[in-house]
Structures are given as C-alpha cells and as structure tokens.
C-alpha cells in the first residue's frame, strides 16, 4: 500500500484497475532501479559466484519486466484472467526471487 500512496493523493476514490496500474508502475520503477543496482555492483573484480548471482537477478528482473509488459497488454485487452492469474503472478515471482 505504501507504494500506492504517492500516486493516489488527491483521489477521492480509487477503482481496482487503477490501483493495479499504479502498483505496476511502482514495480516497474523498482525493477529498473534493481537492474541498475545489480549491474553497477558487478565489475571485473567481483567474485565469480557473486557475479553469477547478480547475473541471475538481472535475468529474473528482466523476466519480470517482460511479464509487466504483458500485463499492460492484458489490461488494454480487458483480459483480467491473464492479468491476475499469470502475468502479475510471474512478475511478482521474478521480483521476489532476488528480494526486490
């Protein structure tokens, strides 16, 4: 809910789809920052095991970005089943894999 608060100030009411869209925007920004952070942590002196973990996290976050893009398409198509049952679930799984 805290991630929604910056987006909803001034709203008298908020419908479910708008709340989902606001949350997806917040996730998207957090994923972009996480990818940048993981990329910046990796340099030639990074331990190989740590570098592999960072690579896996970037891949997982990128997969989450792809799922969020598909979720936006599902919203546009009014396909709530795809939105809620697969794409958002997949995006959240990718995000939680590396503890975003």
Protein backbone atom coordinates (compact mmCIF):
# COMPACT_ATOMS: atom_id res chain seq x y z
CA UNK A 1 0.00 0.00 0.00
CA UNK A 2 2.87 2.39 0.73
CA UNK A 3 3.94 2.18 -2.91
CA UNK A 4 0.47 3.37 -3.94
CA UNK A 5 0.31 6.42 -1.69
CA UNK A 6 2.45 8.74 -3.86
CA UNK A 7 0.20 8.00 -6.83
CA UNK A 8 -3.21 8.44 -5.24
CA UNK A 9 -3.00 11.70 -3.35
CA UNK A 10 -5.89 13.86 -4.41
CA UNK A 11 -8.08 10.93 -5.45
CA UNK A 12 -11.45 10.76 -3.71
CA UNK A 13 -11.88 7.15 -4.73
CA UNK A 14 -9.79 4.56 -6.46
CA UNK A 15 -11.03 1.66 -8.56
CA UNK A 16 -9.27 -1.70 -8.54
CA UNK A 17 -7.81 -1.45 -12.05
CA UNK A 18 -6.36 2.00 -11.32
CA UNK A 19 -4.80 0.65 -8.13
CA UNK A 20 -3.30 -2.27 -10.07
CA UNK A 21 -1.94 0.13 -12.70
CA UNK A 22 -0.37 2.35 -10.03
CA UNK A 23 1.21 -0.69 -8.38
CA UNK A 24 2.52 -1.94 -11.72
CA UNK A 25 4.13 1.46 -12.36
CA UNK A 26 5.78 1.32 -8.95
CA UNK A 27 7.02 -2.23 -9.62
CA UNK A 28 8.38 -1.16 -12.99
CA UNK A 29 10.39 1.68 -11.46
CA UNK A 30 11.69 -0.58 -8.69
CA UNK A 31 12.74 -3.22 -11.22
CA UNK A 32 14.60 -0.65 -13.32
CA UNK A 33 16.46 0.53 -10.22
CA UNK A 34 17.23 -3.05 -9.14
CA UNK A 35 18.66 -3.88 -12.57
CA UNK A 36 20.83 -0.77 -12.44
CA UNK A 37 22.00 -1.60 -8.91
CA UNK A 38 22.85 -5.21 -9.76
CA UNK A 39 24.66 -4.12 -12.92
CA UNK A 40 26.65 -1.46 -11.05
CA UNK A 41 27.70 -3.95 -8.36
CA UNK A 42 29.33 -6.18 -10.94
CA UNK A 43 32.80 -5.31 -12.18
CA UNK A 44 35.86 -7.32 -13.25
CA UNK A 45 36.97 -7.72 -9.62
CA UNK A 46 33.63 -9.18 -8.48
CA UNK A 47 33.89 -12.72 -7.15
CA UNK A 48 32.65 -15.20 -9.79
CA UNK A 49 29.95 -16.64 -7.51
CA UNK A 50 28.64 -13.17 -6.68
CA UNK A 51 28.76 -12.18 -10.36
CA UNK A 52 26.70 -15.25 -11.24
CA UNK A 53 24.13 -14.34 -8.59
CA UNK A 54 23.93 -10.77 -9.88
CA UNK A 55 23.50 -12.07 -13.45
CA UNK A 56 20.69 -14.35 -12.29
CA UNK A 57 18.99 -11.44 -10.54
CA UNK A 58 19.23 -9.23 -13.63
CA UNK A 59 17.74 -12.06 -15.69
CA UNK A 60 14.95 -12.55 -13.16
CA UNK A 61 14.19 -8.82 -13.06
CA UNK A 62 14.21 -8.67 -16.86
CA UNK A 63 11.71 -11.54 -16.93
CA UNK A 64 9.55 -9.54 -14.51
CA UNK A 65 9.71 -6.54 -16.84
CA UNK A 66 8.53 -8.75 -19.70
CA UNK A 67 5.66 -10.04 -17.59
CA UNK A 68 4.66 -6.49 -16.65
CA UNK A 69 4.59 -5.55 -20.34
CA UNK A 70 2.27 -8.48 -20.99
CA UNK A 71 0.18 -7.42 -18.00
CA UNK A 72 -0.25 -3.97 -19.55
CA UNK A 73 -1.39 -5.66 -22.75
CA UNK A 74 -3.86 -7.76 -20.75
CA UNK A 75 -5.29 -4.62 -19.13
CA UNK A 76 -5.70 -3.00 -22.54
CA UNK A 77 -7.49 -6.14 -23.79
CA UNK A 78 -9.65 -6.31 -20.63
CA UNK A 79 -8.24 -9.80 -20.05
CA UNK A 80 -8.35 -9.96 -16.26
CA UNK A 81 -7.65 -13.71 -16.19
CA UNK A 82 -4.31 -13.32 -17.95
CA UNK A 83 -3.54 -10.23 -15.92
CA UNK A 84 -4.17 -11.67 -12.48
CA UNK A 85 -3.52 -15.37 -12.95
CA UNK A 86 -0.35 -15.38 -14.98
CA UNK A 87 1.41 -12.13 -15.82
CA UNK A 88 1.23 -10.35 -12.46
CA UNK A 89 1.98 -13.60 -10.70
CA UNK A 90 5.02 -14.16 -12.93
CA UNK A 91 6.22 -10.59 -12.40
CA UNK A 92 5.95 -10.93 -8.62
CA UNK A 93 7.78 -14.27 -8.69
CA UNK A 94 10.64 -12.72 -10.62
CA UNK A 95 10.79 -9.78 -8.27
CA UNK A 96 10.78 -11.91 -5.14
CA UNK A 97 13.44 -14.30 -6.46
CA UNK A 98 16.17 -11.78 -5.69
CA UNK A 99 14.44 -9.97 -2.87
CA UNK A 100 13.49 -6.67 -4.50
